[in-house]
Amino acid sequence: MVAAIGRVIAFLREKQILHKLGVAISIAVIAAACYVLYHLLRGIDLDKVLEAIRQTEPRAIALAALFVAAGYFTLTFYDLFALRTIGRDQVPYRTAALAAFTSYSIGHNVGASVFTGGAVRYRIYSAWGLDGIDVAKICFLAGLTFWLGNAAVLGMGIAYHPEAASSIDQLPPWLNRLLAFGILTGLMVYVVWVSIKPRRVGRGTWKVELPGGPLTLLQIGIGIVDLGFCALAMYVLVPDEPNLGFVVVAVIFVSATLLGFASHSPGGLGVFDAAMLVGLWQMDKEALLAGMLLFRILYYIVPFVLSVIILAVREIIIGAKMKRMDRLADALDPKPVRQDPTPG
């Protein structure tokens, strides 16, 4: 059975059907989001949005910024976990933190995070002797941590409050709860599967050994904490609705985030916003937009600017060190001066 599935996947890859299907899904998601946004934002008063931003309490903005910082701090453990899993123990935490922060903040804003984030990681990790295959493995394991965390948060959140998901997918709550239990069951089966014996994916030098049961639970924990902090940042910025608690906002936030990733648009722009507006329809639209704009500034714009500055300063420092080393090498090993032969 497994071999048959593998042959089908290999055939789909050979014919580039998976790639074409992914592009088609991305276009469909973006088109649907643009249609929804057009209808939702037609009556929006921009002055009210700006006024809602001005009326947002500084305490709420500071608290959201603190949660965003905590979320990015948690992201650093995605790379550290992946490095230790592939046996690259010589890379210190500070390097993993730099690679994770800059790659995620740039990848989130530029889009195509697999490629842009991978390029940033390679530039940083290559200084420690890692090659392209190592970086690809790190990206895979970090992505696995992210998706395991998403599955856990969505599964638990929807099982507890299926109506939150129904506001986005328009499915009946009982079906969403059933799907949530299916997600949680799949997670448990995966944990048991990797616990029985070592599991590997890929071929040849691309082969990656999956973390075992206890480490997979650690992966899930890291993902949950990361998404929890991000959801808290959004929760303190959106309007206060008595009937909408943190769990509802978190489920809708994670669902909107996943839709944004599926679209491959930079920062999920348009898709994430449409999903949030649809899911949190009970909230005042102008106030909700204000909270979403503040979240984008804190979670996307500020880290992106910091990452660009950090990488630019790093390149300047590296360039200056290389020049000093070249000058020192020339001083220690001067080239002999050629003398023209005198005529006889």
Protein backbone atom coordinates (compact mmCIF):
# COMPACT_ATOMS: atom_id res chain seq x y z
CA MET A 1 0.00 0.00 0.00
CA VAL A 2 2.77 2.43 1.01
CA ALA A 3 4.76 1.52 -2.12
CA ALA A 4 1.69 2.18 -4.30
CA ILE A 5 1.17 5.60 -2.70
CA GLY A 6 4.86 6.36 -3.26
CA ARG A 7 4.58 5.46 -6.94
CA VAL A 8 1.54 7.70 -7.34
CA ILE A 9 3.32 10.64 -5.69
CA ALA A 10 6.43 10.05 -7.85
CA PHE A 11 4.24 10.06 -10.99
CA LEU A 12 2.52 13.29 -9.93
CA ARG A 13 5.90 14.92 -9.30
CA GLU A 14 7.29 13.74 -12.62
CA LYS A 15 4.36 15.27 -14.49
CA GLN A 16 4.54 18.40 -12.25
CA ILE A 17 0.88 17.85 -11.40
CA LEU A 18 1.43 18.65 -7.71
CA HIS A 19 3.14 21.94 -8.60
CA LYS A 20 0.36 22.92 -11.00
CA LEU A 21 -2.27 21.94 -8.45
CA GLY A 22 -0.55 24.06 -5.78
CA VAL A 23 -0.45 27.08 -8.10
CA ALA A 24 -4.13 26.60 -8.97
CA ILE A 25 -5.09 26.41 -5.28
CA SER A 26 -3.08 29.56 -4.50
CA ILE A 27 -4.76 31.50 -7.31
CA ALA A 28 -8.20 30.27 -6.25
CA VAL A 29 -7.63 31.24 -2.61
CA ILE A 30 -6.35 34.71 -3.54
CA ALA A 31 -9.21 35.30 -5.99
CA ALA A 32 -11.81 34.27 -3.41
CA ALA A 33 -10.17 36.50 -0.81
CA CYS A 34 -10.18 39.51 -3.16
CA TYR A 35 -13.87 38.95 -3.91
CA VAL A 36 -14.71 38.73 -0.20
CA LEU A 37 -12.61 41.77 0.70
CA TYR A 38 -14.23 43.83 -2.05
CA HIS A 39 -17.69 43.20 -0.61
CA LEU A 40 -16.63 43.55 3.02
CA LEU A 41 -14.68 46.78 2.65
CA ARG A 42 -17.03 48.71 0.34
CA GLY A 43 -18.64 50.59 3.21
CA ILE A 44 -15.53 51.04 5.35
CA ASP A 45 -14.86 54.58 6.62
CA LEU A 46 -11.08 55.10 6.58
CA ASP A 47 -11.33 57.98 9.04
CA LYS A 48 -13.00 55.67 11.56
CA VAL A 49 -10.22 53.12 11.11
CA LEU A 50 -7.55 55.77 11.79
CA GLU A 51 -9.54 57.04 14.77
CA ALA A 52 -9.78 53.49 16.16
CA ILE A 53 -5.99 53.18 15.85
CA ARG A 54 -5.51 56.46 17.73
CA GLN A 55 -7.90 55.33 20.47
CA THR A 56 -6.12 52.03 21.02
CA GLU A 57 -4.62 52.06 24.50
CA PRO A 58 -0.81 52.25 24.60
CA ARG A 59 -0.93 49.48 27.20
CA ALA A 60 -2.63 47.16 24.71
CA ILE A 61 -0.07 47.95 22.01
CA ALA A 62 2.81 47.39 24.45
CA LEU A 63 1.30 44.09 25.59
CA ALA A 64 0.81 42.96 22.00
CA ALA A 65 4.42 43.90 21.21
CA LEU A 66 5.54 41.81 24.19
CA PHE A 67 3.55 38.80 22.94
CA VAL A 68 5.00 39.25 19.43
CA ALA A 69 8.52 39.33 20.88
CA ALA A 70 7.76 36.19 22.87
CA GLY A 71 6.47 34.53 19.69
CA TYR A 72 9.65 35.32 17.77
CA PHE A 73 11.70 34.11 20.73
CA THR A 74 9.83 30.80 20.51
CA LEU A 75 10.55 30.68 16.76
CA THR A 76 14.28 30.52 17.53
CA PHE A 77 13.74 27.07 19.02
CA TYR A 78 12.37 25.84 15.67
CA ASP A 79 15.88 26.14 14.22
CA LEU A 80 17.68 25.03 17.38
CA PHE A 81 15.54 21.90 17.54
CA ALA A 82 16.18 21.17 13.84
CA LEU A 83 19.94 21.68 14.23
CA ARG A 84 20.14 19.27 17.14
CA THR A 85 17.97 16.75 15.28
CA ILE A 86 20.34 16.60 12.28
CA GLY A 87 23.37 16.41 14.57
CA ARG A 88 24.77 19.92 14.03
CA ASP A 89 25.53 20.51 17.70
CA GLN A 90 28.46 22.84 16.94
CA VAL A 91 26.08 25.64 15.90
CA PRO A 92 25.38 27.78 19.01
CA TYR A 93 21.99 29.07 20.04
CA ARG A 94 22.85 32.68 19.10
CA THR A 95 23.39 31.63 15.48
CA ALA A 96 20.18 29.59 15.42
CA ALA A 97 18.30 32.57 16.89
CA LEU A 98 19.74 34.93 14.27
CA ALA A 99 18.90 32.57 11.41
CA ALA A 100 15.38 31.86 12.67
CA PHE A 101 14.46 35.49 13.38
CA THR A 102 15.79 36.92 10.12
CA SER A 103 14.60 34.07 7.88
CA TYR A 104 11.06 34.06 9.26
CA SER A 105 10.61 37.84 9.37
CA ILE A 106 11.93 38.25 5.82
CA GLY A 107 10.10 35.17 4.53
CA HIS A 108 6.81 36.36 6.06
CA ASN A 109 7.02 39.69 4.24
CA VAL A 110 8.58 38.76 0.91
CA GLY A 111 6.56 35.57 0.41
CA ALA A 112 7.69 32.16 -0.88
CA SER A 113 9.16 31.69 2.59
CA VAL A 114 10.62 28.27 1.73
CA PHE A 115 13.00 29.91 -0.75
CA THR A 116 13.57 33.34 0.79
CA GLY A 117 13.91 31.96 4.32
CA GLY A 118 16.11 29.15 3.04
CA ALA A 119 18.44 31.63 1.31
CA VAL A 120 18.82 33.66 4.50
CA ARG A 121 19.47 30.52 6.54
CA TYR A 122 22.10 29.31 4.07
CA ARG A 123 23.96 32.64 4.22
CA ILE A 124 24.15 32.38 8.01
CA TYR A 125 24.68 28.64 8.49
CA SER A 126 27.26 28.27 5.72
CA ALA A 127 29.72 30.10 7.98
CA TRP A 128 29.46 27.08 10.32
CA GLY A 129 30.13 24.53 7.61
CA LEU A 130 26.53 23.63 6.76
CA ASP A 131 25.70 23.00 3.11
CA GLY A 132 22.51 23.34 1.11
CA ILE A 133 21.28 19.88 2.07
CA ASP A 134 21.68 20.66 5.78
CA VAL A 135 19.72 23.89 5.34
CA ALA A 136 16.99 22.04 3.43
CA LYS A 137 16.71 19.57 6.32
CA ILE A 138 16.47 22.43 8.81
CA CYS A 139 13.70 24.06 6.76
CA PHE A 140 11.83 20.75 6.60
CA LEU A 141 12.06 20.07 10.35
CA ALA A 142 11.17 23.67 11.25
CA GLY A 143 8.17 23.46 8.93
CA LEU A 144 7.18 20.15 10.51
CA THR A 145 7.24 21.80 13.95
CA PHE A 146 5.04 24.62 12.64
CA TRP A 147 2.45 22.30 11.09
CA LEU A 148 2.34 19.97 14.09
CA GLY A 149 1.71 22.96 16.34
CA ASN A 150 -0.98 24.28 14.00
CA ALA A 151 -2.71 20.91 13.91
CA ALA A 152 -2.68 20.68 17.71
CA VAL A 153 -4.02 24.22 18.23
CA LEU A 154 -6.70 23.84 15.57
CA GLY A 155 -7.71 20.39 16.75
CA MET A 156 -8.08 21.37 20.40
CA GLY A 157 -9.61 24.77 19.66
CA ILE A 158 -12.21 23.52 17.18
CA ALA A 159 -13.08 20.52 19.37
CA TYR A 160 -13.75 22.95 22.24
CA HIS A 161 -15.53 25.62 20.16
CA PRO A 162 -16.52 24.32 16.69
CA GLU A 163 -18.70 27.35 16.00
CA ALA A 164 -15.55 29.47 15.62
CA ALA A 165 -14.42 27.43 12.61
CA SER A 166 -17.95 27.36 11.21
CA SER A 167 -17.84 31.13 10.78
CA ILE A 168 -15.03 30.65 8.22
CA ASP A 169 -15.62 27.29 6.51
CA GLN A 170 -19.46 27.49 6.75
CA LEU A 171 -19.63 23.85 7.82
CA PRO A 172 -22.01 22.74 10.60
CA PRO A 173 -20.42 22.75 14.07
CA TRP A 174 -20.89 18.99 14.53
CA LEU A 175 -18.89 18.32 11.35
CA ASN A 176 -16.13 20.72 12.42
CA ARG A 177 -15.92 18.99 15.79
CA LEU A 178 -15.71 15.64 14.03
CA LEU A 179 -12.89 16.98 11.82
CA ALA A 180 -11.13 18.31 14.92
CA PHE A 181 -11.19 14.90 16.57
CA GLY A 182 -9.88 13.48 13.30
CA ILE A 183 -6.95 15.94 13.41
CA LEU A 184 -6.16 15.08 17.03
CA THR A 185 -6.42 11.35 16.28
CA GLY A 186 -4.03 11.79 13.35
CA LEU A 187 -1.58 13.60 15.64
CA MET A 188 -1.72 10.79 18.19
CA VAL A 189 -1.23 8.16 15.48
CA TYR A 190 1.80 10.07 14.18
CA VAL A 191 3.34 10.28 17.67
CA VAL A 192 2.84 6.54 18.16
CA TRP A 193 4.24 5.83 14.67
CA VAL A 194 7.50 7.68 15.31
CA SER A 195 7.71 6.17 18.81
CA ILE A 196 7.71 2.53 17.67
CA LYS A 197 11.03 2.71 15.79
CA PRO A 198 13.23 5.30 14.02
CA ARG A 199 11.49 6.72 10.96
CA ARG A 200 13.25 8.31 7.99
CA VAL A 201 11.99 10.30 5.02
CA GLY A 202 13.84 11.18 1.82
CA ARG A 203 16.55 9.37 -0.09
CA GLY A 204 20.33 9.35 -0.09
CA THR A 205 21.92 12.49 1.32
CA TRP A 206 18.44 14.06 1.58
CA LYS A 207 17.33 11.47 4.11
CA VAL A 208 16.07 12.93 7.40
CA GLU A 209 15.42 10.94 10.55
CA LEU A 210 12.19 12.10 12.14
CA PRO A 211 12.21 12.94 15.85
CA GLY A 212 10.97 10.15 18.09
CA GLY A 213 7.85 10.24 20.26
CA PRO A 214 9.10 12.41 23.17
CA LEU A 215 10.85 14.84 20.80
CA THR A 216 7.73 15.03 18.63
CA LEU A 217 5.73 16.02 21.69
CA LEU A 218 8.36 18.71 22.31
CA GLN A 219 7.90 19.84 18.70
CA ILE A 220 4.16 20.11 19.21
CA GLY A 221 4.71 22.04 22.44
CA ILE A 222 7.00 24.56 20.72
CA GLY A 223 4.44 25.09 17.96
CA ILE A 224 1.59 25.54 20.44
CA VAL A 225 3.50 28.13 22.47
CA ASP A 226 4.49 30.07 19.33
CA LEU A 227 0.95 30.20 17.97
CA GLY A 228 -0.43 30.94 21.43
CA PHE A 229 1.70 34.07 21.78
CA CYS A 230 0.76 35.26 18.27
CA ALA A 231 -2.93 34.70 18.97
CA LEU A 232 -2.62 36.60 22.26
CA ALA A 233 -1.06 39.54 20.42
CA MET A 234 -4.03 39.64 18.05
CA TYR A 235 -6.52 39.13 20.90
CA VAL A 236 -5.42 42.22 22.84
CA LEU A 237 -5.61 44.40 19.70
CA VAL A 238 -9.05 43.43 18.35
CA PRO A 239 -12.25 44.96 19.81
CA ASP A 240 -13.51 43.50 23.07
CA GLU A 241 -16.59 41.38 22.43
CA PRO A 242 -18.31 39.78 25.45
CA ASN A 243 -19.29 36.62 23.53
CA LEU A 244 -15.89 36.11 21.86
CA GLY A 245 -13.25 34.74 24.18
CA PHE A 246 -9.60 33.98 23.50
CA VAL A 247 -10.27 30.46 22.17
CA VAL A 248 -12.61 31.78 19.45
CA VAL A 249 -10.13 34.45 18.34
CA ALA A 250 -7.26 31.92 18.44
CA VAL A 251 -9.11 29.38 16.25
CA ILE A 252 -10.05 32.03 13.70
CA PHE A 253 -6.54 33.53 13.80
CA VAL A 254 -4.84 30.17 13.17
CA SER A 255 -7.33 29.30 10.43
CA ALA A 256 -6.73 32.67 8.76
CA THR A 257 -2.96 32.19 9.08
CA LEU A 258 -3.10 28.79 7.39
CA LEU A 259 -5.20 30.19 4.54
CA GLY A 260 -2.63 32.95 4.16
CA PHE A 261 0.17 30.37 3.92
CA ALA A 262 -1.83 28.39 1.35
CA SER A 263 -2.09 31.50 -0.85
CA HIS A 264 1.71 32.11 -0.75
CA SER A 265 1.01 35.85 -0.79
CA PRO A 266 3.45 37.99 1.24
CA GLY A 267 2.26 37.95 4.83
CA GLY A 268 -0.96 36.29 3.68
CA LEU A 269 -1.96 39.78 2.55
CA GLY A 270 -5.62 39.89 1.58
CA VAL A 271 -6.32 36.25 2.36
CA PHE A 272 -5.56 36.48 6.09
CA ASP A 273 -7.49 39.75 6.35
CA ALA A 274 -10.54 38.40 4.54
CA ALA A 275 -10.66 35.32 6.77
CA MET A 276 -10.40 37.43 9.92
CA LEU A 277 -13.17 39.77 8.78
CA VAL A 278 -15.43 36.84 7.90
CA GLY A 279 -14.65 34.89 11.07
CA LEU A 280 -15.03 37.85 13.44
CA TRP A 281 -18.11 39.30 11.74
CA GLN A 282 -19.60 40.26 15.14
CA MET A 283 -16.93 42.91 15.70
CA ASP A 284 -17.04 46.47 14.45
CA LYS A 285 -15.26 46.36 11.09
CA GLU A 286 -13.37 49.63 11.47
CA ALA A 287 -12.11 48.69 14.93
CA LEU A 288 -11.19 45.18 13.77
CA LEU A 289 -9.27 46.59 10.80
CA ALA A 290 -7.43 48.93 13.15
CA GLY A 291 -6.36 46.01 15.33
CA MET A 292 -5.27 44.00 12.29
CA LEU A 293 -3.20 46.91 10.96
CA LEU A 294 -1.47 47.33 14.31
CA PHE A 295 -0.78 43.59 14.38
CA ARG A 296 0.76 43.75 10.92
CA ILE A 297 3.02 46.60 11.99
CA LEU A 298 4.16 44.75 15.12
CA TYR A 299 4.44 41.25 13.66
CA TYR A 300 5.53 41.94 10.08
CA ILE A 301 6.90 45.44 9.49
CA VAL A 302 8.97 46.00 12.64
CA PRO A 303 10.71 42.57 12.59
CA PHE A 304 11.32 42.93 8.84
CA VAL A 305 13.04 46.30 9.27
CA LEU A 306 15.09 44.95 12.19
CA SER A 307 16.11 41.89 10.17
CA VAL A 308 17.25 43.95 7.19
CA ILE A 309 19.31 46.20 9.50
CA ILE A 310 20.81 43.22 11.34
CA LEU A 311 21.77 41.41 8.13
CA ALA A 312 23.19 44.61 6.60
CA VAL A 313 25.33 45.29 9.68
CA ARG A 314 26.44 41.65 9.70
CA GLU A 315 27.54 41.82 6.07
CA ILE A 316 29.44 45.06 6.74
CA ILE A 317 31.24 43.48 9.69
CA ILE A 318 32.06 40.32 7.72
CA GLY A 319 33.33 42.43 4.80
CA ALA A 320 35.53 44.50 7.11
CA LYS A 321 36.98 41.36 8.73
CA MET A 322 37.75 39.85 5.33
CA LYS A 323 39.59 43.01 4.27
CA ARG A 324 41.64 43.00 7.49
CA MET A 325 42.52 39.35 6.97
CA ASP A 326 43.59 40.05 3.38
CA ARG A 327 45.79 42.93 4.49
CA LEU A 328 47.31 40.78 7.24
CA ALA A 329 47.98 37.97 4.79
CA ASP A 330 49.70 40.41 2.41
CA ALA A 331 51.83 41.77 5.27
CA LEU A 332 52.92 38.29 6.41
CA ASP A 333 53.61 37.02 2.91
CA PRO A 334 54.85 39.94 0.80
CA LYS A 335 55.27 39.30 -2.87
CA PRO A 336 58.87 39.64 -4.17
CA VAL A 337 59.51 42.78 -6.17
CA ARG A 338 60.43 42.05 -9.76
CA GLN A 339 63.51 43.83 -11.06
CA ASP A 340 64.06 44.55 -14.71
CA PRO A 341 67.28 42.93 -16.01
CA THR A 342 70.05 45.46 -16.69
CA PRO A 343 71.33 45.58 -20.24
CA GLY A 344 74.74 43.91 -20.69
